[in-house]
C-alpha atoms as a PDB file:
ATOM      1  CA  MET A   1      78.263 -33.673 -13.304  1.00  0.00           C
ATOM      2  CA  LYS A   2      76.969 -37.067 -14.447  1.00  0.00           C
ATOM      3  CA  ILE A   3      73.727 -36.565 -12.510  1.00  0.00           C
ATOM      4  CA  ARG A   4      73.116 -33.241 -14.270  1.00  0.00           C
ATOM      5  CA  MET A   5      73.742 -34.853 -17.637  1.00  0.00           C
ATOM      6  CA  LEU A   6      71.342 -37.707 -16.832  1.00  0.00           C
ATOM      7  CA  ALA A   7      68.719 -35.231 -15.646  1.00  0.00           C
ATOM      8  CA  LEU A   8      69.102 -33.246 -18.869  1.00  0.00           C
ATOM      9  CA  ILE A   9      68.768 -36.381 -21.012  1.00  0.00           C
ATOM     10  CA  LEU A  10      65.705 -37.478 -19.060  1.00  0.00           C
ATOM     11  CA  LEU A  11      64.110 -34.045 -19.406  1.00  0.00           C
ATOM     12  CA  LEU A  12      64.773 -33.918 -23.141  1.00  0.00           C
ATOM     13  CA  SER A  13      63.388 -37.414 -23.688  1.00  0.00           C
ATOM     14  CA  LEU A  14      60.214 -36.552 -21.771  1.00  0.00           C
ATOM     15  CA  PHE A  15      59.772 -33.357 -23.761  1.00  0.00           C
ATOM     16  CA  GLY A  16      60.206 -35.254 -27.023  1.00  0.00           C
ATOM     17  CA  GLN A  17      57.570 -37.788 -26.031  1.00  0.00           C
ATOM     18  CA  ALA A  18      55.066 -35.090 -25.119  1.00  0.00           C
ATOM     19  CA  TYR A  19      55.746 -33.275 -28.361  1.00  0.00           C
ATOM     20  CA  SER A  20      55.257 -36.353 -30.530  1.00  0.00           C
ATOM     21  CA  ALA A  21      52.167 -37.360 -28.539  1.00  0.00           C
ATOM     22  CA  ASP A  22      50.311 -34.249 -29.776  1.00  0.00           C
ATOM     23  CA  GLY A  23      49.533 -35.992 -33.056  1.00  0.00           C
ATOM     24  CA  SER A  24      50.298 -35.486 -36.703  1.00  0.00           C
ATOM     25  CA  ILE A  25      48.692 -35.742 -40.122  1.00  0.00           C
ATOM     26  CA  MET A  26      50.233 -36.357 -43.525  1.00  0.00           C
ATOM     27  CA  ILE A  27      48.413 -35.892 -46.828  1.00  0.00           C
ATOM     28  CA  SER A  28      50.333 -37.941 -49.385  1.00  0.00           C
ATOM     29  CA  SER A  29      47.970 -37.250 -52.278  1.00  0.00           C
ATOM     30  CA  PRO A  30      47.318 -34.856 -53.805  1.00  0.00           C
ATOM     31  CA  ALA A  31      50.696 -33.237 -53.359  1.00  0.00           C
ATOM     32  CA  ASN A  32      50.904 -29.596 -52.381  1.00  0.00           C
ATOM     33  CA  GLY A  33      50.770 -27.564 -55.595  1.00  0.00           C
ATOM     34  CA  ALA A  34      49.195 -30.403 -57.619  1.00  0.00           C
ATOM     35  CA  ILE A  35      46.985 -29.781 -60.610  1.00  0.00           C
ATOM     36  CA  VAL A  36      43.729 -31.766 -60.505  1.00  0.00           C
ATOM     37  CA  SER A  37      41.030 -32.248 -63.106  1.00  0.00           C
ATOM     38  CA  SER A  38      37.910 -30.115 -62.765  1.00  0.00           C
ATOM     39  CA  ASN A  39      35.999 -33.014 -64.359  1.00  0.00           C
ATOM     40  CA  SER A  40      36.910 -35.750 -61.856  1.00  0.00           C
ATOM     41  CA  LYS A  41      36.561 -36.461 -58.168  1.00  0.00           C
ATOM     42  CA  VAL A  42      39.714 -35.701 -56.181  1.00  0.00           C
ATOM     43  CA  SER A  43      41.186 -38.608 -54.228  1.00  0.00           C
ATOM     44  CA  ILE A  44      42.830 -37.712 -50.904  1.00  0.00           C
ATOM     45  CA  THR A  45      45.231 -40.184 -49.307  1.00  0.00           C
ATOM     46  CA  TYR A  46      46.239 -39.517 -45.711  1.00  0.00           C
ATOM     47  CA  ALA A  47      47.694 -40.957 -42.506  1.00  0.00           C
ATOM     48  CA  ALA A  48      47.270 -39.534 -39.005  1.00  0.00           C
ATOM     49  CA  MET A  49      48.355 -40.015 -35.415  1.00  0.00           C
ATOM     50  CA  LEU A  50      45.543 -38.593 -33.304  1.00  0.00           C
ATOM     51  CA  GLY A  51      47.443 -37.901 -30.080  1.00  0.00           C
ATOM     52  CA  PRO A  52      46.004 -38.193 -26.567  1.00  0.00           C
ATOM     53  CA  THR A  53      42.865 -36.082 -27.097  1.00  0.00           C
ATOM     54  CA  GLY A  54      42.173 -36.813 -30.757  1.00  0.00           C
ATOM     55  CA  ASP A  55      39.197 -38.930 -31.789  1.00  0.00           C
ATOM     56  CA  HIS A  56      38.721 -38.411 -35.531  1.00  0.00           C
ATOM     57  CA  LEU A  57      39.560 -36.155 -38.491  1.00  0.00           C
ATOM     58  CA  HIS A  58      37.643 -33.395 -40.249  1.00  0.00           C
ATOM     59  CA  LEU A  59      38.203 -32.735 -43.949  1.00  0.00           C
ATOM     60  CA  TYR A  60      37.848 -29.152 -45.150  1.00  0.00           C
ATOM     61  CA  VAL A  61      37.836 -27.711 -48.652  1.00  0.00           C
ATOM     62  CA  ASP A  62      38.218 -23.953 -48.887  1.00  0.00           C
ATOM     63  CA  GLY A  63      37.287 -23.582 -45.220  1.00  0.00           C
ATOM     64  CA  LYS A  64      34.094 -25.665 -45.375  1.00  0.00           C
ATOM     65  CA  ARG A  65      33.862 -29.022 -43.627  1.00  0.00           C
ATOM     66  CA  VAL A  66      33.000 -31.669 -46.206  1.00  0.00           C
ATOM     67  CA  ASP A  67      33.604 -34.918 -44.329  1.00  0.00           C
ATOM     68  CA  VAL A  68      34.284 -36.539 -40.957  1.00  0.00           C
ATOM     69  CA  LEU A  69      36.838 -39.348 -41.166  1.00  0.00           C
ATOM     70  CA  ARG A  70      36.953 -42.051 -38.500  1.00  0.00           C
ATOM     71  CA  GLU A  71      39.818 -44.036 -40.072  1.00  0.00           C
ATOM     72  CA  ILE A  72      43.253 -42.680 -39.197  1.00  0.00           C
ATOM     73  CA  LYS A  73      44.818 -43.968 -42.394  1.00  0.00           C
ATOM     74  CA  GLY A  74      43.244 -44.340 -45.789  1.00  0.00           C
ATOM     75  CA  SER A  75      41.776 -42.443 -48.674  1.00  0.00           C
ATOM     76  CA  THR A  76      38.593 -40.613 -49.459  1.00  0.00           C
ATOM     77  CA  SER A  77      37.353 -38.610 -52.395  1.00  0.00           C
ATOM     78  CA  ILE A  78      35.659 -35.281 -52.784  1.00  0.00           C
ATOM     79  CA  ASP A  79      33.524 -34.011 -55.636  1.00  0.00           C
ATOM     80  CA  ALA A  80      35.268 -32.414 -58.594  1.00  0.00           C
ATOM     81  CA  LEU A  81      36.493 -28.931 -57.778  1.00  0.00           C
ATOM     82  CA  PRO A  82      35.591 -25.964 -59.970  1.00  0.00           C
ATOM     83  CA  ALA A  83      38.457 -24.435 -61.928  1.00  0.00           C
ATOM     84  CA  GLY A  84      40.801 -22.382 -59.775  1.00  0.00           C
ATOM     85  CA  LYS A  85      42.887 -22.657 -56.630  1.00  0.00           C
ATOM     86  CA  HIS A  86      41.649 -24.650 -53.639  1.00  0.00           C
ATOM     87  CA  HIS A  87      42.789 -25.289 -50.064  1.00  0.00           C
ATOM     88  CA  ILE A  88      42.313 -28.843 -48.692  1.00  0.00           C
ATOM     89  CA  CYS A  89      42.869 -29.419 -44.954  1.00  0.00           C
ATOM     90  CA  LEU A  90      42.628 -32.249 -42.445  1.00  0.00           C
ATOM     91  CA  THR A  91      42.320 -31.518 -38.732  1.00  0.00           C
ATOM     92  CA  VAL A  92      42.424 -33.759 -35.670  1.00  0.00           C
ATOM     93  CA  ASN A  93      39.333 -33.283 -33.487  1.00  0.00           C
ATOM     94  CA  THR A  94      38.131 -34.450 -30.089  1.00  0.00           C
ATOM     95  CA  SER A  95      35.042 -36.621 -29.635  1.00  0.00           C
ATOM     96  CA  SER A  96      33.065 -33.387 -29.182  1.00  0.00           C
ATOM     97  CA  HIS A  97      34.407 -32.117 -32.548  1.00  0.00           C
ATOM     98  CA  ALA A  98      36.687 -29.476 -31.030  1.00  0.00           C
ATOM     99  CA  PRO A  99      39.953 -29.093 -32.970  1.00  0.00           C
ATOM    100  CA  THR A 100      43.088 -30.188 -31.108  1.00  0.00           C
ATOM    101  CA  GLY A 101      45.312 -27.827 -33.103  1.00  0.00           C
ATOM    102  CA  VAL A 102      46.860 -30.561 -35.253  1.00  0.00           C
ATOM    103  CA  GLU A 103      46.267 -29.698 -38.907  1.00  0.00           C
ATOM    104  CA  THR A 104      47.809 -30.116 -42.321  1.00  0.00           C
ATOM    105  CA  CYS A 105      46.808 -28.585 -45.634  1.00  0.00           C
ATOM    106  CA  VAL A 106      47.626 -28.748 -49.321  1.00  0.00           C
ATOM    107  CA  ASP A 107      46.857 -26.272 -52.057  1.00  0.00           C
ATOM    108  CA  VAL A 108      45.738 -27.564 -55.439  1.00  0.00           C
ATOM    109  CA  THR A 109      44.715 -25.997 -58.729  1.00  0.00           C
ATOM    110  CA  SER A 110      41.763 -27.428 -60.593  1.00  0.00           C
ATOM    111  CA  GLN A 111      41.796 -27.161 -64.393  1.00  0.00           C
END
């Protein structure tokens, strides 16, 4: 019985490591649902773990790539957004720019 329990613990710990090794991204600013000024650049603060196949990040606004970010933690800014709702996303990409599937997005309203 103890061997089965040890095997189960080992299996779960290996699965957890593989899962966390896929990568992650956090956008800390602007917050999801934030209201931003349509007269000012929008500052984006982020932190990422690229995972085993990740090389860099792509920044998208409303589905269009606007920047390639080589730093995994930091901030960048985008031009002022026209009034209305907007979708800002960061994706982890391989060295050949293929997405790894790790993505996070926030929605903002520009006024």
